[in-house]
Amino acid sequence: MVTAAAIRAKLRKLGEPCYARALQWFFKTGKGGYGEGDRFLGIRLQRLRACVRDCGDVPLKALLARLSSPIHEERMFALLGMVRRFRADTRQSISANQQ
């Protein structure tokens, strides 16, 4: 079972510091910017999506824990994980209704 701490550790390994600095500039995370205070690990979206797929069915509790993180990619992981869960639930409901 994947925990919130395991997600955090996995994402930290994927981070690219140089790309994180570019993201902080792009999202205007400095004082007075619209993204003030947001922090980045520097994970490209394609790699983040692959990480969500690799983790499989992450418990909702672990996703909710990451949703309140100050780290942008951890919040994005949580949202992508919730979308994955919703799609799986929707497919199961449709399949059950067709039987």
C-alpha atoms as a PDB file:
ATOM      1  CA  MET A   1       0.000   0.000   0.000  1.00  0.00           C
ATOM      2  CA  VAL A   2       1.332   3.421  -0.962  1.00  0.00           C
ATOM      3  CA  THR A   3       1.517   5.976   1.845  1.00  0.00           C
ATOM      4  CA  ALA A   4       1.786   9.760   1.733  1.00  0.00           C
ATOM      5  CA  ALA A   5       5.409   9.500   2.920  1.00  0.00           C
ATOM      6  CA  ALA A   6       6.226   7.000   0.167  1.00  0.00           C
ATOM      7  CA  ILE A   7       4.731   9.348  -2.432  1.00  0.00           C
ATOM      8  CA  ARG A   8       6.803  12.227  -1.096  1.00  0.00           C
ATOM      9  CA  ALA A   9      10.019  10.157  -1.200  1.00  0.00           C
ATOM     10  CA  LYS A  10       9.322   8.906  -4.724  1.00  0.00           C
ATOM     11  CA  LEU A  11       8.640  12.411  -6.029  1.00  0.00           C
ATOM     12  CA  ARG A  12      11.791  13.834  -4.431  1.00  0.00           C
ATOM     13  CA  LYS A  13      13.870  11.315  -6.400  1.00  0.00           C
ATOM     14  CA  LEU A  14      12.295  12.475  -9.682  1.00  0.00           C
ATOM     15  CA  GLY A  15      12.971  16.167  -9.131  1.00  0.00           C
ATOM     16  CA  GLU A  16      15.331  18.184 -11.333  1.00  0.00           C
ATOM     17  CA  PRO A  17      16.667  21.226  -9.402  1.00  0.00           C
ATOM     18  CA  CYS A  18      17.498  23.182 -12.578  1.00  0.00           C
ATOM     19  CA  TYR A  19      13.965  22.688 -13.916  1.00  0.00           C
ATOM     20  CA  ALA A  20      12.537  23.591 -10.484  1.00  0.00           C
ATOM     21  CA  ARG A  21      14.266  26.981 -10.657  1.00  0.00           C
ATOM     22  CA  ALA A  22      12.779  27.576 -14.116  1.00  0.00           C
ATOM     23  CA  LEU A  23       9.298  26.688 -12.830  1.00  0.00           C
ATOM     24  CA  GLN A  24       9.652  29.032  -9.872  1.00  0.00           C
ATOM     25  CA  TRP A  25      10.489  31.839 -12.286  1.00  0.00           C
ATOM     26  CA  PHE A  26       7.648  30.925 -14.681  1.00  0.00           C
ATOM     27  CA  PHE A  27       5.018  30.713 -11.936  1.00  0.00           C
ATOM     28  CA  LYS A  28       6.243  33.946 -10.314  1.00  0.00           C
ATOM     29  CA  THR A  29       6.806  32.467  -6.867  1.00  0.00           C
ATOM     30  CA  GLY A  30       8.731  35.467  -5.539  1.00  0.00           C
ATOM     31  CA  LYS A  31       7.354  38.090  -3.187  1.00  0.00           C
ATOM     32  CA  GLY A  32       4.302  39.755  -4.715  1.00  0.00           C
ATOM     33  CA  GLY A  33       3.962  37.189  -7.523  1.00  0.00           C
ATOM     34  CA  TYR A  34       0.737  35.327  -8.122  1.00  0.00           C
ATOM     35  CA  GLY A  35       2.441  32.057  -7.136  1.00  0.00           C
ATOM     36  CA  GLU A  36       4.166  33.548  -4.098  1.00  0.00           C
ATOM     37  CA  GLY A  37       5.530  30.882  -1.796  1.00  0.00           C
ATOM     38  CA  ASP A  38       4.795  27.926  -4.091  1.00  0.00           C
ATOM     39  CA  ARG A  39       7.660  25.422  -4.149  1.00  0.00           C
ATOM     40  CA  PHE A  40       8.685  23.047  -6.924  1.00  0.00           C
ATOM     41  CA  LEU A  41      10.675  19.837  -7.173  1.00  0.00           C
ATOM     42  CA  GLY A  42      11.141  20.183 -10.928  1.00  0.00           C
ATOM     43  CA  ILE A  43       9.220  17.163 -12.235  1.00  0.00           C
ATOM     44  CA  ARG A  44       7.980  17.305 -15.798  1.00  0.00           C
ATOM     45  CA  LEU A  45       4.283  16.493 -16.206  1.00  0.00           C
ATOM     46  CA  GLN A  46       4.890  13.411 -18.342  1.00  0.00           C
ATOM     47  CA  ARG A  47       7.090  11.900 -15.623  1.00  0.00           C
ATOM     48  CA  LEU A  48       4.557  12.868 -12.951  1.00  0.00           C
ATOM     49  CA  ARG A  49       1.736  11.144 -14.857  1.00  0.00           C
ATOM     50  CA  ALA A  50       3.912   8.044 -15.254  1.00  0.00           C
ATOM     51  CA  CYS A  51       4.598   8.067 -11.516  1.00  0.00           C
ATOM     52  CA  VAL A  52       0.855   8.165 -10.784  1.00  0.00           C
ATOM     53  CA  ARG A  53       0.330   5.183 -13.120  1.00  0.00           C
ATOM     54  CA  ASP A  54       3.233   3.278 -11.531  1.00  0.00           C
ATOM     55  CA  CYS A  55       1.833   3.792  -8.029  1.00  0.00           C
ATOM     56  CA  GLY A  56      -1.462   2.173  -9.034  1.00  0.00           C
ATOM     57  CA  ASP A  57      -4.426   2.556  -6.701  1.00  0.00           C
ATOM     58  CA  VAL A  58      -3.277   5.006  -4.071  1.00  0.00           C
ATOM     59  CA  PRO A  59      -5.557   5.197  -1.010  1.00  0.00           C
ATOM     60  CA  LEU A  60      -7.672   8.330  -0.863  1.00  0.00           C
ATOM     61  CA  LYS A  61      -6.241   9.173   2.558  1.00  0.00           C
ATOM     62  CA  ALA A  62      -2.702   9.351   1.092  1.00  0.00           C
ATOM     63  CA  LEU A  63      -3.911  11.509  -1.803  1.00  0.00           C
ATOM     64  CA  LEU A  64      -5.703  13.903   0.537  1.00  0.00           C
ATOM     65  CA  ALA A  65      -2.553  14.219   2.650  1.00  0.00           C
ATOM     66  CA  ARG A  66      -0.566  15.291  -0.425  1.00  0.00           C
ATOM     67  CA  LEU A  67      -3.275  17.703  -1.539  1.00  0.00           C
ATOM     68  CA  SER A  68      -2.379  20.091   1.275  1.00  0.00           C
ATOM     69  CA  SER A  69       1.363  19.998   0.559  1.00  0.00           C
ATOM     70  CA  PRO A  70       3.321  23.213  -0.076  1.00  0.00           C
ATOM     71  CA  ILE A  71       5.036  21.388  -2.976  1.00  0.00           C
ATOM     72  CA  HIS A  72       3.379  21.933  -6.364  1.00  0.00           C
ATOM     73  CA  GLU A  73       4.141  18.454  -7.760  1.00  0.00           C
ATOM     74  CA  GLU A  74       2.799  16.710  -4.661  1.00  0.00           C
ATOM     75  CA  ARG A  75      -0.524  18.533  -5.042  1.00  0.00           C
ATOM     76  CA  MET A  76      -0.554  17.726  -8.749  1.00  0.00           C
ATOM     77  CA  PHE A  77       0.134  14.065  -7.970  1.00  0.00           C
ATOM     78  CA  ALA A  78      -2.852  14.055  -5.618  1.00  0.00           C
ATOM     79  CA  LEU A  79      -5.142  15.579  -8.246  1.00  0.00           C
ATOM     80  CA  LEU A  80      -3.972  13.188 -10.966  1.00  0.00           C
ATOM     81  CA  GLY A  81      -4.436  10.278  -8.553  1.00  0.00           C
ATOM     82  CA  MET A  82      -7.988  11.393  -7.779  1.00  0.00           C
ATOM     83  CA  VAL A  83      -8.783  11.643 -11.497  1.00  0.00           C
ATOM     84  CA  ARG A  84      -7.429   8.106 -11.934  1.00  0.00           C
ATOM     85  CA  ARG A  85      -9.654   6.836  -9.107  1.00  0.00           C
ATOM     86  CA  PHE A  86     -12.706   8.650 -10.508  1.00  0.00           C
ATOM     87  CA  ARG A  87     -12.190   7.202 -13.983  1.00  0.00           C
ATOM     88  CA  ALA A  88     -11.816   3.695 -12.565  1.00  0.00           C
ATOM     89  CA  ASP A  89     -14.996   4.117 -10.489  1.00  0.00           C
ATOM     90  CA  THR A  90     -16.867   5.473 -13.504  1.00  0.00           C
ATOM     91  CA  ARG A  91     -15.779   2.543 -15.689  1.00  0.00           C
ATOM     92  CA  GLN A  92     -16.921   0.079 -13.003  1.00  0.00           C
ATOM     93  CA  SER A  93     -20.301   1.809 -12.698  1.00  0.00           C
ATOM     94  CA  ILE A  94     -20.853   1.787 -16.446  1.00  0.00           C
ATOM     95  CA  SER A  95     -19.818  -1.842 -16.672  1.00  0.00           C
ATOM     96  CA  ALA A  96     -22.174  -2.806 -13.821  1.00  0.00           C
ATOM     97  CA  ASN A  97     -25.083  -0.922 -15.404  1.00  0.00           C
ATOM     98  CA  GLN A  98     -24.595  -2.655 -18.751  1.00  0.00           C
ATOM     99  CA  GLN A  99     -24.895  -6.118 -17.220  1.00  0.00           C
END
